[in-house]
Amino acid sequence: MTRKMKTRSNRQLLLGHSILHRWARDPSATNWTKSQIKKEHARLVKIMKERGLQHNTPLKFSKRWK
């Protein structure tokens, strides 16, 4: 199943980006896989850049991810 964050507005885009970073730190906060999070993060970063928004926060996964 393909999962996507809402990105219609910049507010939705930035909220989704923030949520992905939280999930990367805490796998118990989501039922998404590590792969799904990585893929969606890349998609959101691409959209951010297309909209002229800055991105300087690499996605860091905690050691709790298997």
C-alpha atoms as a PDB file:
ATOM      1  CA  MET A   1       0.000   0.000   0.000  1.00  0.00           C
ATOM      2  CA  THR A   2       1.286   3.444  -0.925  1.00  0.00           C
ATOM      3  CA  ARG A   3       0.951   5.916   1.895  1.00  0.00           C
ATOM      4  CA  LYS A   4       1.231   9.652   1.449  1.00  0.00           C
ATOM      5  CA  MET A   5       1.099  12.712   3.640  1.00  0.00           C
ATOM      6  CA  LYS A   6      -1.140  15.562   2.596  1.00  0.00           C
ATOM      7  CA  THR A   7       0.769  18.290   0.775  1.00  0.00           C
ATOM      8  CA  ARG A   8      -1.857  20.629  -0.651  1.00  0.00           C
ATOM      9  CA  SER A   9      -0.750  23.529   1.549  1.00  0.00           C
ATOM     10  CA  ASN A  10       2.710  24.345   2.864  1.00  0.00           C
ATOM     11  CA  ARG A  11       1.311  23.936   6.368  1.00  0.00           C
ATOM     12  CA  GLN A  12       0.248  20.350   5.603  1.00  0.00           C
ATOM     13  CA  LEU A  13       3.559  19.670   3.914  1.00  0.00           C
ATOM     14  CA  LEU A  14       5.611  20.898   6.863  1.00  0.00           C
ATOM     15  CA  LEU A  15       3.436  19.070   9.382  1.00  0.00           C
ATOM     16  CA  GLY A  16       3.827  15.823   7.444  1.00  0.00           C
ATOM     17  CA  HIS A  17       7.575  16.343   7.284  1.00  0.00           C
ATOM     18  CA  SER A  18       7.712  16.905  11.028  1.00  0.00           C
ATOM     19  CA  ILE A  19       5.664  13.771  11.699  1.00  0.00           C
ATOM     20  CA  LEU A  20       8.018  11.660   9.576  1.00  0.00           C
ATOM     21  CA  HIS A  21      10.982  12.882  11.608  1.00  0.00           C
ATOM     22  CA  ARG A  22       9.173  11.980  14.830  1.00  0.00           C
ATOM     23  CA  TRP A  23       8.399   8.508  13.539  1.00  0.00           C
ATOM     24  CA  ALA A  24      12.037   8.015  12.541  1.00  0.00           C
ATOM     25  CA  ARG A  25      13.014   8.693  16.156  1.00  0.00           C
ATOM     26  CA  ASP A  26      10.220   6.542  17.647  1.00  0.00           C
ATOM     27  CA  PRO A  27       9.095   3.465  15.707  1.00  0.00           C
ATOM     28  CA  SER A  28       6.376   2.757  18.279  1.00  0.00           C
ATOM     29  CA  ALA A  29       4.594   5.956  17.156  1.00  0.00           C
ATOM     30  CA  THR A  30       3.640   4.522  13.746  1.00  0.00           C
ATOM     31  CA  ASN A  31       2.726   1.414  11.840  1.00  0.00           C
ATOM     32  CA  TRP A  32       4.625   2.632   8.742  1.00  0.00           C
ATOM     33  CA  THR A  33       7.760   0.737   7.777  1.00  0.00           C
ATOM     34  CA  LYS A  34      11.192   2.316   7.738  1.00  0.00           C
ATOM     35  CA  SER A  35      11.149   2.040   3.943  1.00  0.00           C
ATOM     36  CA  GLN A  36       7.790   3.828   3.690  1.00  0.00           C
ATOM     37  CA  ILE A  37       9.053   6.651   5.891  1.00  0.00           C
ATOM     38  CA  LYS A  38      12.234   7.065   3.804  1.00  0.00           C
ATOM     39  CA  LYS A  39      10.284   7.095   0.548  1.00  0.00           C
ATOM     40  CA  GLU A  40       7.705   9.589   1.787  1.00  0.00           C
ATOM     41  CA  HIS A  41      10.384  11.832   3.286  1.00  0.00           C
ATOM     42  CA  ALA A  42      12.149  11.972  -0.083  1.00  0.00           C
ATOM     43  CA  ARG A  43       8.863  12.867  -1.790  1.00  0.00           C
ATOM     44  CA  LEU A  44       8.129  15.665   0.698  1.00  0.00           C
ATOM     45  CA  VAL A  45      11.649  17.079   0.432  1.00  0.00           C
ATOM     46  CA  LYS A  46      11.272  17.202  -3.352  1.00  0.00           C
ATOM     47  CA  ILE A  47       7.990  19.104  -3.002  1.00  0.00           C
ATOM     48  CA  MET A  48       9.542  21.469  -0.453  1.00  0.00           C
ATOM     49  CA  LYS A  49      12.375  22.306  -2.832  1.00  0.00           C
ATOM     50  CA  GLU A  50       9.946  22.794  -5.726  1.00  0.00           C
ATOM     51  CA  ARG A  51       8.073  25.315  -3.579  1.00  0.00           C
ATOM     52  CA  GLY A  52      11.248  27.146  -2.609  1.00  0.00           C
ATOM     53  CA  LEU A  53      11.212  25.924   0.983  1.00  0.00           C
ATOM     54  CA  GLN A  54      14.419  25.137   2.834  1.00  0.00           C
ATOM     55  CA  HIS A  55      15.306  21.627   3.937  1.00  0.00           C
ATOM     56  CA  ASN A  56      18.325  20.975   6.108  1.00  0.00           C
ATOM     57  CA  THR A  57      17.232  18.167   8.409  1.00  0.00           C
ATOM     58  CA  PRO A  58      18.461  14.721   7.374  1.00  0.00           C
ATOM     59  CA  LEU A  59      16.246  11.836   8.392  1.00  0.00           C
ATOM     60  CA  LYS A  60      17.863  10.027  11.336  1.00  0.00           C
ATOM     61  CA  PHE A  61      16.434   6.716  12.491  1.00  0.00           C
ATOM     62  CA  SER A  62      16.815   5.613  16.079  1.00  0.00           C
ATOM     63  CA  LYS A  63      18.518   2.335  16.915  1.00  0.00           C
ATOM     64  CA  ARG A  64      15.108   0.980  17.937  1.00  0.00           C
ATOM     65  CA  TRP A  65      14.276   0.373  14.265  1.00  0.00           C
ATOM     66  CA  LYS A  66      14.853  -3.212  13.189  1.00  0.00           C
END
